[in-house]
Protein backbone atom coordinates (compact mmCIF):
# COMPACT_ATOMS: atom_id res chain seq x y z
CA MET A 1 -0.54 -5.06 -18.39
CA ALA A 2 -2.79 -2.07 -17.80
CA LYS A 3 -3.13 0.50 -20.58
CA ARG A 4 -1.41 3.84 -19.92
CA ASN A 5 -2.94 7.24 -20.59
CA GLN A 6 -1.37 8.12 -23.94
CA LEU A 7 -2.84 11.62 -24.06
CA GLU A 8 -1.23 12.70 -20.80
CA ASN A 9 2.06 10.82 -21.15
CA PRO A 10 3.02 10.53 -24.84
CA VAL A 11 6.78 10.57 -24.16
CA TYR A 12 6.61 7.80 -21.58
CA THR A 13 4.09 5.85 -23.64
CA GLU A 14 6.50 5.84 -26.57
CA MET A 15 9.39 4.68 -24.36
CA GLU A 16 7.33 1.89 -22.78
CA GLU A 17 6.29 0.68 -26.21
CA LYS A 18 9.90 0.64 -27.41
CA LEU A 19 10.98 -1.30 -24.33
CA ASN A 20 8.17 -3.81 -24.76
CA GLU A 21 9.15 -4.43 -28.37
CA VAL A 22 12.36 -5.87 -26.91
CA GLY A 23 10.57 -7.55 -24.02
CA ASN A 24 8.07 -6.58 -21.33
CA GLY A 25 10.83 -6.77 -18.73
CA MET A 26 13.30 -4.53 -20.58
CA CYS A 27 14.92 -1.65 -18.66
CA LEU A 28 17.95 0.36 -19.78
CA ALA A 29 19.02 1.05 -16.19
CA LYS A 30 20.57 -2.43 -15.98
CA TRP A 31 23.20 -1.05 -18.36
CA THR A 32 23.26 2.71 -17.79
CA GLN A 33 23.05 3.11 -14.01
CA VAL A 34 24.96 1.72 -11.03
CA THR A 35 25.35 2.36 -7.32
CA LEU A 36 28.69 1.07 -6.01
CA GLN A 37 29.12 0.40 -2.30
CA LEU A 38 32.86 -0.20 -2.35
CA GLN A 39 33.06 -0.43 1.44
CA THR A 40 31.09 -3.71 1.27
CA GLY A 41 31.72 -4.77 -2.33
CA HIS A 42 28.06 -4.55 -3.34
CA ASN A 43 26.25 -2.92 -6.25
CA HIS A 44 22.87 -2.60 -7.87
CA SER A 45 21.49 -0.86 -10.95
CA CYS A 46 18.37 0.98 -9.70
CA HIS A 47 17.51 1.30 -6.02
CA HIS A 48 14.60 -1.18 -6.11
CA PRO A 49 16.47 -4.51 -6.43
CA ARG A 50 18.62 -5.66 -3.53
CA THR A 51 22.34 -5.16 -3.88
CA HIS A 52 24.48 -8.13 -4.85
CA LYS A 53 28.09 -8.99 -4.00
CA ILE A 54 30.79 -8.26 -6.57
CA ASN A 55 33.09 -11.21 -7.27
CA THR A 56 36.73 -10.27 -6.56
CA LYS A 57 37.98 -12.77 -9.15
CA GLU A 58 35.88 -11.03 -11.80
CA ILE A 59 37.26 -7.56 -11.03
CA ALA A 60 40.82 -8.90 -10.94
CA ARG A 61 40.37 -9.86 -14.63
CA ASN A 62 38.07 -6.98 -15.58
CA PRO A 63 37.76 -3.86 -13.37
CA SER A 64 34.51 -2.88 -15.12
CA ALA A 65 32.96 -5.96 -13.48
CA LEU A 66 32.31 -3.61 -10.58
CA HIS A 67 29.24 -2.88 -12.72
CA ASN A 68 29.30 -5.60 -15.38
CA THR A 69 29.05 -8.54 -13.00
CA GLN A 70 28.18 -11.99 -14.32
CA TYR A 71 25.08 -11.87 -12.13
CA LYS A 72 23.91 -8.65 -13.76
CA LYS A 73 24.68 -9.87 -17.26
CA LEU A 74 22.36 -12.82 -16.69
CA ARG A 75 19.61 -10.39 -15.70
CA ARG A 76 20.31 -8.43 -18.89
CA ARG A 77 19.94 -11.62 -20.90
CA GLU A 78 16.54 -12.17 -19.30
CA MET A 79 15.46 -8.67 -20.29
CA LEU A 80 16.69 -9.03 -23.88
CA THR A 81 14.81 -12.33 -24.28
CA GLY A 82 11.41 -11.15 -23.08
CA LYS A 83 11.68 -12.23 -19.44
CA ARG A 84 11.09 -10.24 -16.26
CA PRO A 85 13.94 -10.53 -13.74
CA GLU A 86 12.51 -11.51 -10.37
CA GLU A 87 14.57 -8.88 -8.53
CA CYS A 88 12.76 -6.12 -10.46
CA ASP A 89 9.33 -7.06 -9.12
CA TYR A 90 8.68 -3.52 -7.84
CA CYS A 91 8.12 -2.38 -11.41
CA TRP A 92 6.11 -5.46 -12.38
CA ASN A 93 3.78 -4.87 -9.42
CA VAL A 94 3.23 -1.25 -10.47
CA GLU A 95 2.53 -2.16 -14.09
CA ASP A 96 0.27 -5.12 -13.38
CA ASN A 97 -1.84 -3.46 -10.72
CA SER A 98 -2.27 0.13 -11.89
CA ASP A 99 -2.35 2.33 -14.98
CA ARG A 100 0.83 4.15 -13.90
CA PHE A 101 4.22 3.93 -15.56
CA SER A 102 6.85 2.09 -13.57
CA ASP A 103 10.37 3.25 -12.89
CA ARG A 104 11.79 1.11 -15.71
CA THR A 105 10.07 3.50 -18.12
CA PHE A 106 11.14 6.65 -16.27
CA LYS A 107 14.76 5.52 -15.91
CA SER A 108 14.95 4.42 -19.53
CA GLN A 109 13.63 7.82 -20.63
CA GLU A 110 16.31 9.73 -18.66
CA ASN A 111 18.85 11.59 -20.76
CA TRP A 112 21.59 9.34 -19.37
CA SER A 113 19.73 6.31 -20.75
CA LYS A 114 17.57 7.07 -23.77
CA PRO A 115 20.37 8.01 -26.23
CA HIS A 116 21.93 4.55 -25.77
CA PHE A 117 18.81 2.51 -26.52
CA ASP A 118 19.87 1.17 -29.92
CA GLU A 119 23.42 0.41 -28.81
CA ILE A 120 22.16 -1.59 -25.82
CA VAL A 121 19.48 -3.65 -27.55
CA ASN A 122 21.79 -4.52 -30.46
CA GLN A 123 24.78 -5.69 -28.43
CA ASP A 124 25.36 -9.17 -27.04
CA TRP A 125 24.34 -9.58 -23.39
CA ARG A 126 27.87 -10.79 -22.60
CA GLU A 127 29.46 -7.48 -23.57
CA ASP A 128 30.53 -4.85 -21.04
CA PHE A 129 28.85 -1.46 -20.95
CA ASN A 130 30.10 1.65 -19.20
CA PRO A 131 27.31 3.12 -17.08
CA ARG A 132 26.43 6.78 -17.61
CA TYR A 133 24.98 7.42 -14.15
CA VAL A 134 27.27 6.30 -11.32
CA GLU A 135 26.96 6.67 -7.56
CA VAL A 136 29.92 5.49 -5.54
CA ALA A 137 30.72 5.19 -1.84
CA PHE A 138 34.43 4.65 -1.26
CA SER A 139 34.08 3.88 2.44
CA ASN A 140 31.71 4.05 5.40
CA ALA A 141 33.91 6.55 7.26
CA CYS A 142 31.52 9.05 8.89
CA ASN A 143 31.62 11.37 11.90
CA PHE A 144 27.81 11.28 12.38
CA LYS A 145 25.46 8.72 13.94
CA CYS A 146 22.13 9.70 12.42
CA SER A 147 19.25 8.07 14.29
CA TYR A 148 18.00 6.18 11.21
CA CYS A 149 21.39 5.23 9.73
CA ALA A 150 23.36 1.99 10.04
CA PRO A 151 26.88 0.62 10.65
CA ALA A 152 27.38 -0.17 6.95
CA PHE A 153 27.29 3.58 6.23
CA SER A 154 28.89 5.04 9.37
CA THR A 155 32.03 4.07 11.24
CA THR A 156 30.80 5.86 14.37
CA TRP A 157 27.63 3.74 14.26
CA MET A 158 29.82 0.65 13.84
CA GLN A 159 31.88 1.60 16.90
CA GLU A 160 28.75 2.08 19.01
CA ILE A 161 27.18 -1.23 18.00
CA GLU A 162 30.44 -3.10 18.53
CA GLN A 163 30.62 -1.60 22.03
CA HIS A 164 26.97 -1.76 23.15
CA GLY A 165 25.28 -4.16 20.74
CA ALA A 166 21.96 -3.75 18.95
CA TYR A 167 19.19 -1.50 20.28
CA PRO A 168 16.50 -3.19 22.45
CA THR A 169 13.74 -2.94 19.84
CA THR A 170 11.78 -5.98 18.71
CA ASP A 171 13.79 -6.04 15.46
CA LYS A 172 17.14 -5.56 17.26
CA PHE A 173 17.81 -2.31 15.41
CA ASN A 174 21.28 -2.13 13.87
CA SER A 175 22.31 -5.62 14.88
CA LEU A 176 25.38 -6.66 12.93
CA GLU A 177 23.89 -10.09 12.31
CA HIS A 178 22.07 -8.81 9.21
CA ASN A 179 25.33 -7.42 7.79
CA ARG A 180 27.04 -10.76 8.34
CA VAL A 181 24.21 -12.78 6.77
CA GLU A 182 24.06 -10.43 3.75
CA ASN A 183 27.87 -10.36 3.47
CA LYS A 184 27.79 -6.59 3.99
CA MET A 185 30.35 -6.11 6.74
CA PRO A 186 32.31 -2.98 5.72
CA ILE A 187 36.00 -3.27 4.97
CA PRO A 188 37.81 -1.12 7.58
CA LYS A 189 39.24 2.05 6.10
CA ARG A 190 42.75 1.07 7.20
CA ASP A 191 42.64 -2.26 5.30
CA PRO A 192 43.33 -2.86 1.60
CA ASN A 193 40.15 -2.73 -0.46
CA PRO A 194 40.16 -4.65 -3.77
CA TYR A 195 36.98 -2.90 -4.90
CA VAL A 196 38.53 0.56 -4.56
CA ASP A 197 41.65 -0.69 -6.34
CA ALA A 198 39.51 -1.96 -9.22
CA PHE A 199 37.65 1.35 -9.38
CA TRP A 200 40.85 3.29 -9.99
CA LYS A 201 41.91 0.87 -12.73
CA TRP A 202 38.54 1.36 -14.41
CA TRP A 203 38.20 5.10 -13.76
CA PRO A 204 40.10 6.58 -16.79
CA ASP A 205 37.89 4.58 -19.16
CA LEU A 206 34.70 5.15 -17.15
CA TYR A 207 35.24 8.92 -16.77
CA ARG A 208 35.06 9.71 -20.49
CA ASP A 209 31.58 8.14 -20.81
CA LEU A 210 30.00 9.58 -17.67
CA HIS A 211 26.88 11.72 -17.73
CA THR A 212 26.47 11.93 -13.94
CA PHE A 213 28.94 11.00 -11.22
CA ARG A 214 27.91 11.26 -7.58
CA ILE A 215 30.14 10.53 -4.59
CA THR A 216 28.29 9.26 -1.54
CA GLY A 217 29.32 7.67 1.74
CA GLY A 218 29.72 7.58 4.74
CA GLU A 219 31.01 11.11 4.70
CA PRO A 220 32.86 11.54 1.38
CA LEU A 221 35.08 14.36 2.62
CA LEU A 222 36.70 11.90 5.05
CA SER A 223 37.87 9.78 2.11
CA LYS A 224 41.08 10.59 0.23
CA ASP A 225 39.50 9.02 -2.86
CA THR A 226 36.97 11.88 -3.08
CA PHE A 227 39.75 14.42 -3.47
CA LYS A 228 41.59 12.07 -5.83
CA VAL A 229 38.53 12.23 -8.13
CA LEU A 230 38.48 16.04 -7.97
CA ASP A 231 42.22 16.26 -8.67
CA TYR A 232 41.83 13.94 -11.66
CA ILE A 233 39.12 16.18 -13.12
CA ILE A 234 41.26 19.28 -12.49
CA ASP A 235 44.40 17.80 -14.07
CA GLU A 236 42.78 15.95 -16.99
CA PRO A 237 44.00 17.53 -20.28
CA ASN A 238 40.73 16.62 -22.05
CA PRO A 239 38.05 17.00 -19.38
CA ASN A 240 34.57 15.58 -19.77
CA LYS A 241 32.79 18.92 -20.00
CA ASN A 242 29.38 17.26 -20.18
CA LEU A 243 29.81 15.77 -16.71
CA ASN A 244 27.26 16.41 -13.99
CA LEU A 245 29.31 16.16 -10.80
CA ALA A 246 27.71 15.72 -7.39
CA ILE A 247 29.12 15.24 -3.90
CA ASN A 248 27.29 14.31 -0.74
CA SER A 249 28.50 15.90 2.48
CA ASN A 250 27.06 16.40 5.94
CA LEU A 251 28.99 19.73 5.99
CA GLY A 252 29.98 18.88 9.55
CA VAL A 253 33.63 17.99 9.02
CA THR A 254 36.61 20.24 9.90
CA ASP A 255 36.92 23.67 8.32
CA ASN A 256 40.04 22.68 6.38
CA LEU A 257 38.15 19.86 4.61
CA ILE A 258 35.21 22.13 3.75
CA ASP A 259 37.64 24.74 2.41
CA LYS A 260 39.59 22.09 0.48
CA MET A 261 36.39 20.88 -1.22
CA ILE A 262 35.34 24.43 -2.09
CA GLU A 263 38.77 25.27 -3.48
CA LYS A 264 38.80 22.29 -5.84
CA LEU A 265 35.18 22.72 -6.93
CA LYS A 266 35.89 26.40 -7.59
CA ARG A 267 38.65 25.43 -10.01
CA ILE A 268 36.39 22.92 -11.75
CA GLU A 269 33.68 25.58 -11.97
CA ASP A 270 35.97 28.40 -13.19
CA GLU A 271 37.69 26.22 -15.79
CA ASP A 272 34.39 24.76 -17.08
CA ARG A 273 35.49 21.20 -16.33
CA ALA A 274 31.95 20.07 -15.57
CA LYS A 275 28.52 20.92 -16.89
CA GLU A 276 26.91 21.05 -13.42
CA LEU A 277 28.04 20.96 -9.80
CA VAL A 278 25.65 19.83 -7.08
CA ILE A 279 26.33 19.49 -3.36
CA PHE A 280 23.93 17.14 -1.61
CA THR A 281 23.63 17.66 2.12
CA SER A 282 21.14 16.68 4.81
CA VAL A 283 19.14 18.20 7.63
CA ASP A 284 15.75 17.01 8.85
CA THR A 285 14.35 19.91 10.87
CA TRP A 286 15.60 22.99 12.73
CA GLY A 287 18.05 23.73 15.56
CA ASP A 288 18.58 21.42 18.54
CA GLN A 289 16.00 18.97 17.22
CA ALA A 290 18.01 18.60 14.01
CA ASP A 291 21.14 17.98 16.11
CA TYR A 292 19.36 15.21 18.00
CA ILE A 293 18.22 13.38 14.86
CA ARG A 294 21.61 13.61 13.15
CA ASN A 295 23.94 12.94 16.07
CA GLY A 296 27.19 14.83 15.41
CA LEU A 297 25.49 17.76 13.70
CA GLU A 298 26.06 21.28 15.02
CA PHE A 299 23.17 23.08 13.37
CA ASN A 300 24.52 26.66 13.43
CA ARG A 301 27.87 25.54 12.03
CA PHE A 302 26.07 23.48 9.37
CA TRP A 303 24.05 26.54 8.33
CA ASP A 304 27.21 28.67 8.21
CA ASN A 305 28.88 26.09 5.97
CA MET A 306 25.91 26.09 3.58
CA ASN A 307 26.28 29.86 3.32
CA LYS A 308 30.02 29.45 2.73
CA VAL A 309 29.45 26.96 -0.10
CA LEU A 310 26.76 29.08 -1.78
CA SER A 311 28.71 32.33 -1.47
CA SER A 312 31.95 30.75 -2.74
CA LEU A 313 30.59 28.79 -5.71
CA ASP A 314 28.72 31.07 -8.09
CA ARG A 315 27.00 28.41 -10.17
CA ALA A 316 26.77 25.35 -7.93
CA VAL A 317 23.49 24.15 -6.46
CA VAL A 318 22.86 22.74 -2.99
CA THR A 319 20.18 20.10 -2.51
CA ILE A 320 19.05 19.33 1.02
CA MET A 321 18.04 15.69 1.31
CA SER A 322 15.65 15.96 4.20
CA THR A 323 14.65 12.59 5.65
CA TYR A 324 11.27 13.62 7.03
CA ASN A 325 10.51 11.49 10.08
CA ALA A 326 8.48 11.64 13.30
CA LEU A 327 11.00 13.96 14.96
CA SER A 328 10.94 16.37 11.99
CA VAL A 329 7.31 17.34 12.47
CA PRO A 330 7.35 19.88 15.35
CA ASN A 331 9.82 22.34 13.78
CA TYR A 332 9.86 21.63 10.05
CA SER A 333 8.16 24.96 9.30
CA LYS A 334 11.29 26.73 10.55
CA LEU A 335 13.37 24.78 8.06
CA ILE A 336 10.97 25.74 5.25
CA ASP A 337 11.36 29.41 6.29
CA GLY A 338 15.15 29.14 6.54
CA VAL A 339 15.58 27.50 3.14
CA TYR A 340 13.34 30.12 1.55
CA ASP A 341 15.61 32.86 2.94
CA LEU A 342 18.65 31.16 1.38
CA LYS A 343 16.81 30.83 -1.92
CA LYS A 344 16.21 34.60 -1.93
CA THR A 345 19.80 35.39 -0.96
CA TYR A 346 21.61 33.18 -3.44
CA GLY A 347 19.21 32.63 -6.34
CA SER A 348 20.78 33.75 -9.60
CA ASP A 349 20.58 33.33 -13.36
CA ASP A 350 24.20 32.14 -13.17
CA ARG A 351 23.22 29.04 -11.20
CA TYR A 352 22.94 25.85 -13.20
CA TRP A 353 19.26 25.54 -12.20
CA LYS A 354 18.82 29.28 -11.40
CA SER A 355 17.67 28.43 -7.89
CA ALA A 356 20.58 28.03 -5.48
CA LEU A 357 18.90 25.58 -3.18
CA PHE A 358 16.39 22.72 -3.29
CA LEU A 359 14.60 21.11 -0.37
CA ASP A 360 14.02 17.45 -1.17
CA SER A 361 11.60 16.24 1.54
CA SER A 362 11.46 12.44 1.41
CA TYR A 363 9.56 10.51 4.05
CA LEU A 364 11.44 7.97 6.12
CA ARG A 365 10.26 4.37 5.68
CA PHE A 366 12.87 2.53 7.73
CA PRO A 367 13.29 2.13 10.64
CA SER A 368 9.51 1.88 10.98
CA HIS A 369 9.61 3.05 14.60
CA GLN A 370 10.69 6.53 13.48
CA THR A 371 8.31 7.11 10.57
CA VAL A 372 5.64 9.80 10.80
CA GLN A 373 3.04 7.04 10.94
CA VAL A 374 3.87 6.28 14.57
CA LEU A 375 2.56 9.72 15.58
CA PRO A 376 -1.03 10.31 16.75
CA GLN A 377 -3.40 11.77 14.17
CA VAL A 378 -3.34 15.14 15.94
CA TRP A 379 -0.03 15.80 14.10
CA ASN A 380 -1.65 15.41 10.67
CA LYS A 381 -2.72 19.05 10.71
CA THR A 382 0.85 20.22 11.37
CA ILE A 383 2.17 18.34 8.33
CA TYR A 384 -0.64 19.74 6.19
CA GLU A 385 0.16 23.29 7.35
CA GLN A 386 3.81 22.79 6.41
CA ALA A 387 2.78 21.86 2.89
CA GLN A 388 0.61 25.00 2.80
CA LEU A 389 3.58 27.11 3.95
CA ALA A 390 5.80 25.79 1.15
CA ASP A 391 2.94 26.45 -1.27
CA PHE A 392 2.72 30.03 0.03
CA TYR A 393 6.40 30.44 -0.83
CA SER A 394 5.93 28.96 -4.31
CA ILE A 395 7.46 30.55 -7.40
CA PRO A 396 5.14 33.26 -8.76
CA ALA A 397 4.75 33.52 -12.51
CA PHE A 398 6.51 36.91 -12.58
CA ASP A 399 9.51 35.75 -10.53
CA LYS A 400 12.34 35.43 -13.04
CA GLN A 401 14.93 34.52 -10.38
CA PHE A 402 13.23 31.32 -9.17
CA HIS A 403 13.46 32.31 -5.51
CA GLY A 404 10.51 30.32 -4.30
CA TYR A 405 9.64 26.66 -3.91
CA SER A 406 9.12 24.64 -7.07
CA ASP A 407 6.08 22.47 -7.59
CA ILE A 408 8.05 19.29 -7.05
CA GLU A 409 9.37 20.56 -3.69
CA ILE A 410 5.82 21.38 -2.60
CA GLN A 411 4.43 18.07 -3.84
CA LYS A 412 7.05 16.16 -1.88
CA ILE A 413 5.73 17.62 1.37
CA LYS A 414 2.13 17.06 0.33
CA ARG A 415 3.01 13.44 -0.38
CA ILE A 416 4.18 13.04 3.23
CA TRP A 417 0.75 14.14 4.42
CA ASP A 418 -0.93 11.75 1.97
CA TRP A 419 1.16 8.88 3.28
CA LYS A 420 0.51 9.81 6.90
CA VAL A 421 -3.29 9.83 6.61
CA ALA A 422 -3.78 6.91 4.20
CA ASN A 423 -5.60 3.82 5.52
CA TRP A 424 -5.19 4.84 9.15
CA ASP A 425 -7.75 2.32 10.43
CA GLN A 426 -5.76 -0.52 8.87
CA LYS A 427 -2.49 0.78 10.29
CA GLU A 428 -3.65 1.42 13.83
CA GLN A 429 -3.06 -2.18 14.90
CA GLN A 430 0.42 -2.19 13.37
CA VAL A 431 1.66 0.98 15.05
CA LYS A 432 1.47 -0.44 18.58
CA GLU A 433 4.72 -2.36 18.09
CA GLN A 434 6.28 0.60 16.28
CA ARG A 435 5.41 2.91 19.17
CA TYR A 436 6.79 0.38 21.64
CA ASN A 437 10.04 0.41 19.64
CA PHE A 438 9.97 4.23 19.46
CA GLY A 439 10.04 4.40 23.25
CA LYS A 440 12.67 1.68 23.65
CA TYR A 441 14.92 3.13 20.97
CA PHE A 442 15.03 6.72 22.20
CA GLN A 443 15.26 5.69 25.84
CA GLU A 444 18.41 3.72 24.94
CA HIS A 445 19.57 6.55 22.65
CA ASP A 446 19.56 8.98 25.60
CA LYS A 447 21.35 6.44 27.80
CA ARG A 448 24.14 5.76 25.30
CA ARG A 449 24.64 9.27 23.94
CA GLY A 450 23.86 11.51 26.89
CA THR A 451 20.93 13.15 25.07
CA ASP A 452 17.57 14.17 26.56
CA PHE A 453 14.54 13.42 24.41
CA CYS A 454 11.98 15.23 26.59
CA LYS A 455 14.09 18.36 26.87
CA THR A 456 14.76 18.46 23.12
CA PHE A 457 11.23 17.54 22.01
CA PRO A 458 8.84 18.96 24.64
CA GLU A 459 6.04 18.81 22.03
CA LEU A 460 6.43 15.01 21.90
CA GLU A 461 7.07 14.32 25.59
CA SER A 462 3.56 13.06 26.36
CA PHE A 463 3.59 10.78 23.31
CA TYR A 464 7.05 9.46 24.21
CA ARG A 465 6.03 8.63 27.79
CA ASP A 466 2.92 6.85 26.48
CA CYS A 467 5.17 4.76 24.24
CA LEU A 468 7.26 3.75 27.25
CA GLU A 469 4.13 2.39 28.93
CA ILE A 470 3.23 0.03 26.06
CA LYS A 471 3.49 -3.68 26.84
CA LEU A 472 3.73 -6.31 24.11
């Protein structure tokens, strides 16, 4: 294991040393964190390992086995006895091949993990443990068909694939065969779901221990269980006032559902029934181009709904999860401008994080045919200029209202440029197939959905037509 820089990272150095005293594969996230995909009956603790199927017989006896599966307990035993679970190889690769800390150290240092260190290392691996950071998807019900999404997370995607089949890319994009092989076919919303039933049996016990609870999807506002959670928090005589509550929403559902969410969150906010409220939403560029990427989006209505949320909830924060991809590049500067305007309008000392809005620009990695790396190098300059624009709007030292972009928001965009330009000579041979798939995918996209790529993205028309000419 490479030696870390103790002078620059004393907090993380201390945590890594504590973990290694237990075993050099130890990570608290196996106990403290879980993502539950109840529509497929899968979970994982940390996003690096693959999800695994939850045994229905286990949850019939013990609802907390949604998290405390026998499979996961065996991985915990490995960690407590000095072994490195094979599924966590992302962190082992980082630690063995660089002087950087891996995510097992960062996640164990989080305030939803670190306080429980002694309790975890001193308990038997067979014992159950209530996670402190929980993400849950109750169903895959969704009214959008985002270009990079999949049937497991969107019923409208599922309907399209069932009707037309996979896309004609070399990897058969969104074929249902993968879902069948991985046992990830979603349970239809109309059918009984034993995983959701187990969740509600576990929920009263889980709720009291939660640090962070985040509802994902699908589109959570299309699930009655989302509002059942909010009603529980509103009606609970002894609310968990330390709870950080977060909800994902595309903000593209009917007005009555948006208003219903705001009404319930307003009560939670006014009655101090949560420590923080965060709305996670998504948009990947500006205007018609954003509509094209996230099929089902009406950009102007989306922007109006963001204003409605921010003007109605005095302390809540909105985070835009922007999946920066090849189609984001031409107009992303307009999104940076627009978000900055909202920051200035709604920033307040009353907000949980003072800033009302965060732009989380994360580069798309899959499907590979839509990543920024398929684009010609001429677009590198545009991405670099977008990072410069965000930097121009950064928070000045005298700005007490935090209206501008934070360093982490700026660095996220700079990281996209770094990724785009890295090792281009080595990638050039690989992108031929990705560009072939780019052309095939969006040609079929226009055919199935009645869209027009060239009309929507005139800046990319020449590149798109070149992709259509590629022969493999």
